[in-house]
Amino acid sequence: MIRRPLILAVAITALFSTSAFAQNLSPKAQYTYDTKQANTRYADDKKLCAEESSSKARMQCLRDAKSEYDQAIINAKAAQKAGNSYASQPSKQPQHQICADCGKVLAVNVAEKAGEGGALGMIGGGVAGALLGRQVGGGRGKDLATLAGAAGGAYAGKQVEGHMKNAKTWTVTVQYETGAKADFAFDQDPGLAAGDLVRNSGNGIARR
């Protein structure tokens, strides 16, 4: 009587018990392990075949055992080939998508922009200068002094008004992910510092 189901069940149990160990092997080591397991099962099968009662049964048992052994070797070679193919493939790293509107602040520079005096400063300064000019000299000299005082007063008034209009300008230098650089000017503190991540927003930039 052929007792193949018993040895097959034992082989399946052994296979599952060692599967966790086999998963950590290299393709070459896995092939060596699989062929060793196949040889062991083949040797056990031949021992069982020798216990068969008739020569016909023994021959059939040996043929079945050899067929199973050959298939196990074929499976081991196929697994090794698949493992080598997988190991040779370069690992795919996720590629970073470049954002053309995204960048990082490289520097923030603050400068004082000089203002310019307007007509109001010139008129106010001219009146004051004319009054001062009329207080010196007499006759034509008095008229010349008045004109000189008016001209000087107008210049002074323009300078005073211009000084009062002085304002600060914040220039933010940004480097984009594409490698390009750009400067953005602000009349007020944008609240940005070197290293901040920004992106385009309209004609300016905003934190992201």
C-alpha atoms as a PDB file:
ATOM      1  CA  MET A   1       0.000   0.000   0.000  1.00  0.00           C
ATOM      2  CA  ILE A   2       1.386   3.410  -0.994  1.00  0.00           C
ATOM      3  CA  ARG A   3       1.718   5.811   1.953  1.00  0.00           C
ATOM      4  CA  ARG A   4       2.409   8.942  -0.109  1.00  0.00           C
ATOM      5  CA  PRO A   5      -0.241  11.173   1.562  1.00  0.00           C
ATOM      6  CA  LEU A   6       1.490  10.828   4.927  1.00  0.00           C
ATOM      7  CA  ILE A   7       4.905  11.935   3.710  1.00  0.00           C
ATOM      8  CA  LEU A   8       3.283  14.735   1.670  1.00  0.00           C
ATOM      9  CA  ALA A   9       1.551  16.084   4.768  1.00  0.00           C
ATOM     10  CA  VAL A  10       4.821  15.989   6.695  1.00  0.00           C
ATOM     11  CA  ALA A  11       6.565  17.848   3.877  1.00  0.00           C
ATOM     12  CA  ILE A  12       3.887  20.570   3.778  1.00  0.00           C
ATOM     13  CA  THR A  13       4.119  21.051   7.545  1.00  0.00           C
ATOM     14  CA  ALA A  14       7.898  21.363   7.332  1.00  0.00           C
ATOM     15  CA  LEU A  15       7.578  23.836   4.473  1.00  0.00           C
ATOM     16  CA  PHE A  16       5.302  26.204   6.426  1.00  0.00           C
ATOM     17  CA  SER A  17       7.396  25.953   9.578  1.00  0.00           C
ATOM     18  CA  THR A  18      10.525  27.081   7.727  1.00  0.00           C
ATOM     19  CA  SER A  19       8.920  29.642   5.370  1.00  0.00           C
ATOM     20  CA  ALA A  20       9.716  32.594   7.666  1.00  0.00           C
ATOM     21  CA  PHE A  21      13.374  31.591   7.672  1.00  0.00           C
ATOM     22  CA  ALA A  22      13.488  31.124   3.885  1.00  0.00           C
ATOM     23  CA  GLN A  23      12.010  34.563   3.197  1.00  0.00           C
ATOM     24  CA  ASN A  24      15.187  36.268   4.436  1.00  0.00           C
ATOM     25  CA  LEU A  25      17.552  34.329   2.151  1.00  0.00           C
ATOM     26  CA  SER A  26      19.288  35.613  -0.970  1.00  0.00           C
ATOM     27  CA  PRO A  27      18.246  34.025  -4.309  1.00  0.00           C
ATOM     28  CA  LYS A  28      21.349  31.780  -4.331  1.00  0.00           C
ATOM     29  CA  ALA A  29      20.928  30.730  -0.711  1.00  0.00           C
ATOM     30  CA  GLN A  30      17.218  30.163  -1.310  1.00  0.00           C
ATOM     31  CA  TYR A  31      18.009  27.820  -4.206  1.00  0.00           C
ATOM     32  CA  THR A  32      20.471  25.857  -2.052  1.00  0.00           C
ATOM     33  CA  TYR A  33      17.880  25.605   0.697  1.00  0.00           C
ATOM     34  CA  ASP A  34      15.120  24.474  -1.687  1.00  0.00           C
ATOM     35  CA  THR A  35      17.262  21.807  -3.364  1.00  0.00           C
ATOM     36  CA  LYS A  36      18.356  20.476   0.015  1.00  0.00           C
ATOM     37  CA  GLN A  37      14.731  20.224   1.093  1.00  0.00           C
ATOM     38  CA  ALA A  38      13.876  18.432  -2.174  1.00  0.00           C
ATOM     39  CA  ASN A  39      16.711  15.927  -1.701  1.00  0.00           C
ATOM     40  CA  THR A  40      15.588  15.224   1.857  1.00  0.00           C
ATOM     41  CA  ARG A  41      12.005  14.608   0.764  1.00  0.00           C
ATOM     42  CA  TYR A  42      13.177  12.418  -2.107  1.00  0.00           C
ATOM     43  CA  ALA A  43      15.269  10.278   0.253  1.00  0.00           C
ATOM     44  CA  ASP A  44      12.317   9.866   2.626  1.00  0.00           C
ATOM     45  CA  ASP A  45      10.030   8.949  -0.259  1.00  0.00           C
ATOM     46  CA  LYS A  46      12.414   6.224  -1.474  1.00  0.00           C
ATOM     47  CA  LYS A  47      12.484   4.730   2.016  1.00  0.00           C
ATOM     48  CA  LEU A  48       8.695   4.572   2.024  1.00  0.00           C
ATOM     49  CA  CYS A  49       8.679   3.071  -1.449  1.00  0.00           C
ATOM     50  CA  ALA A  50      10.954   0.263  -0.268  1.00  0.00           C
ATOM     51  CA  GLU A  51       8.246  -0.771   2.190  1.00  0.00           C
ATOM     52  CA  GLU A  52       5.685  -1.447  -0.545  1.00  0.00           C
ATOM     53  CA  SER A  53       4.525  -5.088  -0.699  1.00  0.00           C
ATOM     54  CA  SER A  54       4.936  -5.667  -4.433  1.00  0.00           C
ATOM     55  CA  SER A  55       7.615  -4.785  -6.948  1.00  0.00           C
ATOM     56  CA  LYS A  56       5.037  -3.095  -9.136  1.00  0.00           C
ATOM     57  CA  ALA A  57       3.934  -0.858  -6.308  1.00  0.00           C
ATOM     58  CA  ARG A  58       7.537  -0.075  -5.423  1.00  0.00           C
ATOM     59  CA  MET A  59       8.348   0.902  -9.011  1.00  0.00           C
ATOM     60  CA  GLN A  60       5.302   3.164  -9.254  1.00  0.00           C
ATOM     61  CA  CYS A  61       6.153   4.741  -5.915  1.00  0.00           C
ATOM     62  CA  LEU A  62       9.716   5.440  -7.065  1.00  0.00           C
ATOM     63  CA  ARG A  63       8.496   6.964 -10.309  1.00  0.00           C
ATOM     64  CA  ASP A  64       6.139   9.260  -8.395  1.00  0.00           C
ATOM     65  CA  ALA A  65       8.888  10.236  -5.969  1.00  0.00           C
ATOM     66  CA  LYS A  66      11.281  11.021  -8.837  1.00  0.00           C
ATOM     67  CA  SER A  67       8.634  13.076 -10.618  1.00  0.00           C
ATOM     68  CA  GLU A  68       8.014  15.127  -7.473  1.00  0.00           C
ATOM     69  CA  TYR A  69      11.736  15.607  -6.954  1.00  0.00           C
ATOM     70  CA  ASP A  70      12.271  16.817 -10.542  1.00  0.00           C
ATOM     71  CA  GLN A  71       9.383  19.285 -10.193  1.00  0.00           C
ATOM     72  CA  ALA A  72      10.797  20.592  -6.920  1.00  0.00           C
ATOM     73  CA  ILE A  73      14.166  21.254  -8.605  1.00  0.00           C
ATOM     74  CA  ILE A  74      12.427  23.044 -11.498  1.00  0.00           C
ATOM     75  CA  ASN A  75      10.507  25.218  -9.039  1.00  0.00           C
ATOM     76  CA  ALA A  76      13.699  26.029  -7.117  1.00  0.00           C
ATOM     77  CA  LYS A  77      15.481  27.144 -10.318  1.00  0.00           C
ATOM     78  CA  ALA A  78      12.529  29.289 -11.354  1.00  0.00           C
ATOM     79  CA  ALA A  79      12.425  30.929  -7.919  1.00  0.00           C
ATOM     80  CA  GLN A  80      16.160  31.652  -8.067  1.00  0.00           C
ATOM     81  CA  LYS A  81      15.835  33.234 -11.515  1.00  0.00           C
ATOM     82  CA  ALA A  82      12.923  35.397 -10.411  1.00  0.00           C
ATOM     83  CA  GLY A  83      14.811  36.454  -7.269  1.00  0.00           C
ATOM     84  CA  ASN A  84      17.914  37.439  -9.245  1.00  0.00           C
ATOM     85  CA  SER A  85      15.804  39.443 -11.680  1.00  0.00           C
ATOM     86  CA  TYR A  86      14.081  41.312  -8.855  1.00  0.00           C
ATOM     87  CA  ALA A  87      17.347  41.988  -7.024  1.00  0.00           C
ATOM     88  CA  SER A  88      18.974  43.433 -10.162  1.00  0.00           C
ATOM     89  CA  GLN A  89      16.232  45.994 -10.662  1.00  0.00           C
ATOM     90  CA  PRO A  90      17.172  49.448  -9.270  1.00  0.00           C
ATOM     91  CA  SER A  91      14.908  50.635  -6.523  1.00  0.00           C
ATOM     92  CA  LYS A  92      12.560  53.341  -7.698  1.00  0.00           C
ATOM     93  CA  GLN A  93      12.708  56.463  -5.588  1.00  0.00           C
ATOM     94  CA  PRO A  94       9.718  58.807  -5.618  1.00  0.00           C
ATOM     95  CA  GLN A  95      10.562  61.804  -7.772  1.00  0.00           C
ATOM     96  CA  HIS A  96       9.958  65.263  -6.395  1.00  0.00           C
ATOM     97  CA  GLN A  97       7.717  67.301  -8.656  1.00  0.00           C
ATOM     98  CA  ILE A  98       9.261  70.738  -9.225  1.00  0.00           C
ATOM     99  CA  CYS A  99       6.931  73.631  -8.415  1.00  0.00           C
ATOM    100  CA  ALA A 100       7.832  76.543 -10.702  1.00  0.00           C
ATOM    101  CA  ASP A 101       5.999  79.035  -8.442  1.00  0.00           C
ATOM    102  CA  CYS A 102       7.556  77.737  -5.215  1.00  0.00           C
ATOM    103  CA  GLY A 103      10.793  78.958  -3.661  1.00  0.00           C
ATOM    104  CA  LYS A 104      12.750  79.808  -0.536  1.00  0.00           C
ATOM    105  CA  VAL A 105      13.701  83.193   0.861  1.00  0.00           C
ATOM    106  CA  LEU A 106      17.457  83.748   0.574  1.00  0.00           C
ATOM    107  CA  ALA A 107      17.668  87.194   2.187  1.00  0.00           C
ATOM    108  CA  VAL A 108      15.621  90.166   3.377  1.00  0.00           C
ATOM    109  CA  ASN A 109      17.260  93.594   3.069  1.00  0.00           C
ATOM    110  CA  VAL A 110      15.863  96.849   4.495  1.00  0.00           C
ATOM    111  CA  ALA A 111      16.805 100.212   2.972  1.00  0.00           C
ATOM    112  CA  GLU A 112      15.615 103.782   3.522  1.00  0.00           C
ATOM    113  CA  LYS A 113      14.265 105.456   0.408  1.00  0.00           C
ATOM    114  CA  ALA A 114      14.612 109.257   0.257  1.00  0.00           C
ATOM    115  CA  GLY A 115      11.384 111.112  -0.509  1.00  0.00           C
ATOM    116  CA  GLU A 116      10.929 114.159  -2.758  1.00  0.00           C
ATOM    117  CA  GLY A 117       9.361 117.470  -1.722  1.00  0.00           C
ATOM    118  CA  GLY A 118       6.254 118.534  -3.574  1.00  0.00           C
ATOM    119  CA  ALA A 119       4.676 121.861  -4.541  1.00  0.00           C
ATOM    120  CA  LEU A 120       3.377 122.419  -1.040  1.00  0.00           C
ATOM    121  CA  GLY A 121       6.876 122.408   0.390  1.00  0.00           C
ATOM    122  CA  MET A 122       8.129 124.780  -2.284  1.00  0.00           C
ATOM    123  CA  ILE A 123       5.286 127.259  -1.746  1.00  0.00           C
ATOM    124  CA  GLY A 124       5.589 127.167   2.029  1.00  0.00           C
ATOM    125  CA  GLY A 125       9.352 127.554   1.900  1.00  0.00           C
ATOM    126  CA  GLY A 126       9.103 130.374  -0.668  1.00  0.00           C
ATOM    127  CA  VAL A 127       6.783 132.449   1.469  1.00  0.00           C
ATOM    128  CA  ALA A 128       9.031 132.094   4.478  1.00  0.00           C
ATOM    129  CA  GLY A 129      12.094 132.957   2.413  1.00  0.00           C
ATOM    130  CA  ALA A 130      10.453 136.012   0.891  1.00  0.00           C
ATOM    131  CA  LEU A 131       9.529 137.381   4.312  1.00  0.00           C
ATOM    132  CA  LEU A 132      13.071 136.858   5.487  1.00  0.00           C
ATOM    133  CA  GLY A 133      14.476 138.557   2.353  1.00  0.00           C
ATOM    134  CA  ARG A 134      12.360 141.666   2.777  1.00  0.00           C
ATOM    135  CA  GLN A 135      13.869 142.259   6.175  1.00  0.00           C
ATOM    136  CA  VAL A 136      17.318 142.987   4.708  1.00  0.00           C
ATOM    137  CA  GLY A 137      18.441 145.663   2.233  1.00  0.00           C
ATOM    138  CA  GLY A 138      16.480 148.531   0.733  1.00  0.00           C
ATOM    139  CA  GLY A 139      15.282 149.675  -2.691  1.00  0.00           C
ATOM    140  CA  ARG A 140      16.371 147.395  -5.534  1.00  0.00           C
ATOM    141  CA  GLY A 141      18.664 145.576  -3.207  1.00  0.00           C
ATOM    142  CA  LYS A 142      15.675 144.838  -1.068  1.00  0.00           C
ATOM    143  CA  ASP A 143      13.824 143.381  -4.067  1.00  0.00           C
ATOM    144  CA  LEU A 144      16.823 141.187  -4.977  1.00  0.00           C
ATOM    145  CA  ALA A 145      17.082 139.992  -1.415  1.00  0.00           C
ATOM    146  CA  THR A 146      13.397 139.135  -1.476  1.00  0.00           C
ATOM    147  CA  LEU A 147      13.807 137.059  -4.621  1.00  0.00           C
ATOM    148  CA  ALA A 148      16.917 135.323  -3.254  1.00  0.00           C
ATOM    149  CA  GLY A 149      15.158 134.597  -0.022  1.00  0.00           C
ATOM    150  CA  ALA A 150      12.163 133.194  -1.863  1.00  0.00           C
ATOM    151  CA  ALA A 151      14.350 130.911  -3.982  1.00  0.00           C
ATOM    152  CA  GLY A 152      16.345 129.693  -1.010  1.00  0.00           C
ATOM    153  CA  GLY A 153      13.233 129.189   1.030  1.00  0.00           C
ATOM    154  CA  ALA A 154      11.621 127.143  -1.707  1.00  0.00           C
ATOM    155  CA  TYR A 155      14.654 124.822  -1.899  1.00  0.00           C
ATOM    156  CA  ALA A 156      14.778 124.451   1.850  1.00  0.00           C
ATOM    157  CA  GLY A 157      11.054 123.740   2.001  1.00  0.00           C
ATOM    158  CA  LYS A 158      11.370 121.057  -0.641  1.00  0.00           C
ATOM    159  CA  GLN A 159      14.248 119.392   1.234  1.00  0.00           C
ATOM    160  CA  VAL A 160      12.373 119.449   4.533  1.00  0.00           C
ATOM    161  CA  GLU A 161       9.256 117.943   2.990  1.00  0.00           C
ATOM    162  CA  GLY A 162      11.348 115.324   1.194  1.00  0.00           C
ATOM    163  CA  HIS A 163      13.044 114.350   4.446  1.00  0.00           C
ATOM    164  CA  MET A 164       9.667 114.004   6.109  1.00  0.00           C
ATOM    165  CA  LYS A 165       8.608 111.636   3.327  1.00  0.00           C
ATOM    166  CA  ASN A 166      11.554 109.235   3.793  1.00  0.00           C
ATOM    167  CA  ALA A 167      10.300 105.625   3.812  1.00  0.00           C
ATOM    168  CA  LYS A 168      11.751 102.128   4.306  1.00  0.00           C
ATOM    169  CA  THR A 169      11.748  99.487   1.583  1.00  0.00           C
ATOM    170  CA  TRP A 170      12.022  95.745   2.228  1.00  0.00           C
ATOM    171  CA  THR A 171      13.623  93.753  -0.602  1.00  0.00           C
ATOM    172  CA  VAL A 172      13.069  90.003  -0.412  1.00  0.00           C
ATOM    173  CA  THR A 173      15.308  87.753  -2.539  1.00  0.00           C
ATOM    174  CA  VAL A 174      13.722  84.417  -3.463  1.00  0.00           C
ATOM    175  CA  GLN A 175      15.285  81.355  -5.114  1.00  0.00           C
ATOM    176  CA  TYR A 176      12.780  79.119  -6.877  1.00  0.00           C
ATOM    177  CA  GLU A 177      12.896  75.349  -7.148  1.00  0.00           C
ATOM    178  CA  THR A 178      13.760  75.808 -10.823  1.00  0.00           C
ATOM    179  CA  GLY A 179      16.980  77.602  -9.784  1.00  0.00           C
ATOM    180  CA  ALA A 180      15.822  81.083 -10.847  1.00  0.00           C
ATOM    181  CA  LYS A 181      16.074  84.054  -8.478  1.00  0.00           C
ATOM    182  CA  ALA A 182      13.857  87.124  -8.120  1.00  0.00           C
ATOM    183  CA  ASP A 183      13.612  90.206  -5.884  1.00  0.00           C
ATOM    184  CA  PHE A 184      10.348  91.556  -4.468  1.00  0.00           C
ATOM    185  CA  ALA A 185      10.010  95.045  -2.948  1.00  0.00           C
ATOM    186  CA  PHE A 186       7.597  95.843  -0.099  1.00  0.00           C
ATOM    187  CA  ASP A 187       6.645  99.204   1.409  1.00  0.00           C
ATOM    188  CA  GLN A 188       5.862  97.443   4.688  1.00  0.00           C
ATOM    189  CA  ASP A 189       7.539  94.644   6.615  1.00  0.00           C
ATOM    190  CA  PRO A 190       6.388  91.413   4.883  1.00  0.00           C
ATOM    191  CA  GLY A 191       7.181  89.342   7.970  1.00  0.00           C
ATOM    192  CA  LEU A 192       9.535  87.030   6.090  1.00  0.00           C
ATOM    193  CA  ALA A 193      13.011  85.789   6.972  1.00  0.00           C
ATOM    194  CA  ALA A 194      15.747  83.804   5.254  1.00  0.00           C
ATOM    195  CA  GLY A 195      14.751  80.155   4.931  1.00  0.00           C
ATOM    196  CA  ASP A 196      10.992  80.751   4.748  1.00  0.00           C
ATOM    197  CA  LEU A 197       9.145  78.827   2.042  1.00  0.00           C
ATOM    198  CA  VAL A 198       7.084  81.016  -0.273  1.00  0.00           C
ATOM    199  CA  ARG A 199       5.200  80.866  -3.538  1.00  0.00           C
ATOM    200  CA  ASN A 200       3.957  83.386  -6.085  1.00  0.00           C
ATOM    201  CA  SER A 201       0.758  85.193  -5.224  1.00  0.00           C
ATOM    202  CA  GLY A 202      -0.439  87.661  -7.849  1.00  0.00           C
ATOM    203  CA  ASN A 203       2.420  90.091  -8.494  1.00  0.00           C
ATOM    204  CA  GLY A 204       4.077  89.265  -5.170  1.00  0.00           C
ATOM    205  CA  ILE A 205       4.803  86.303  -2.918  1.00  0.00           C
ATOM    206  CA  ALA A 206       3.169  84.700   0.103  1.00  0.00           C
ATOM    207  CA  ARG A 207       4.275  82.224   2.747  1.00  0.00           C
ATOM    208  CA  ARG A 208       3.379  78.583   2.102  1.00  0.00           C
END
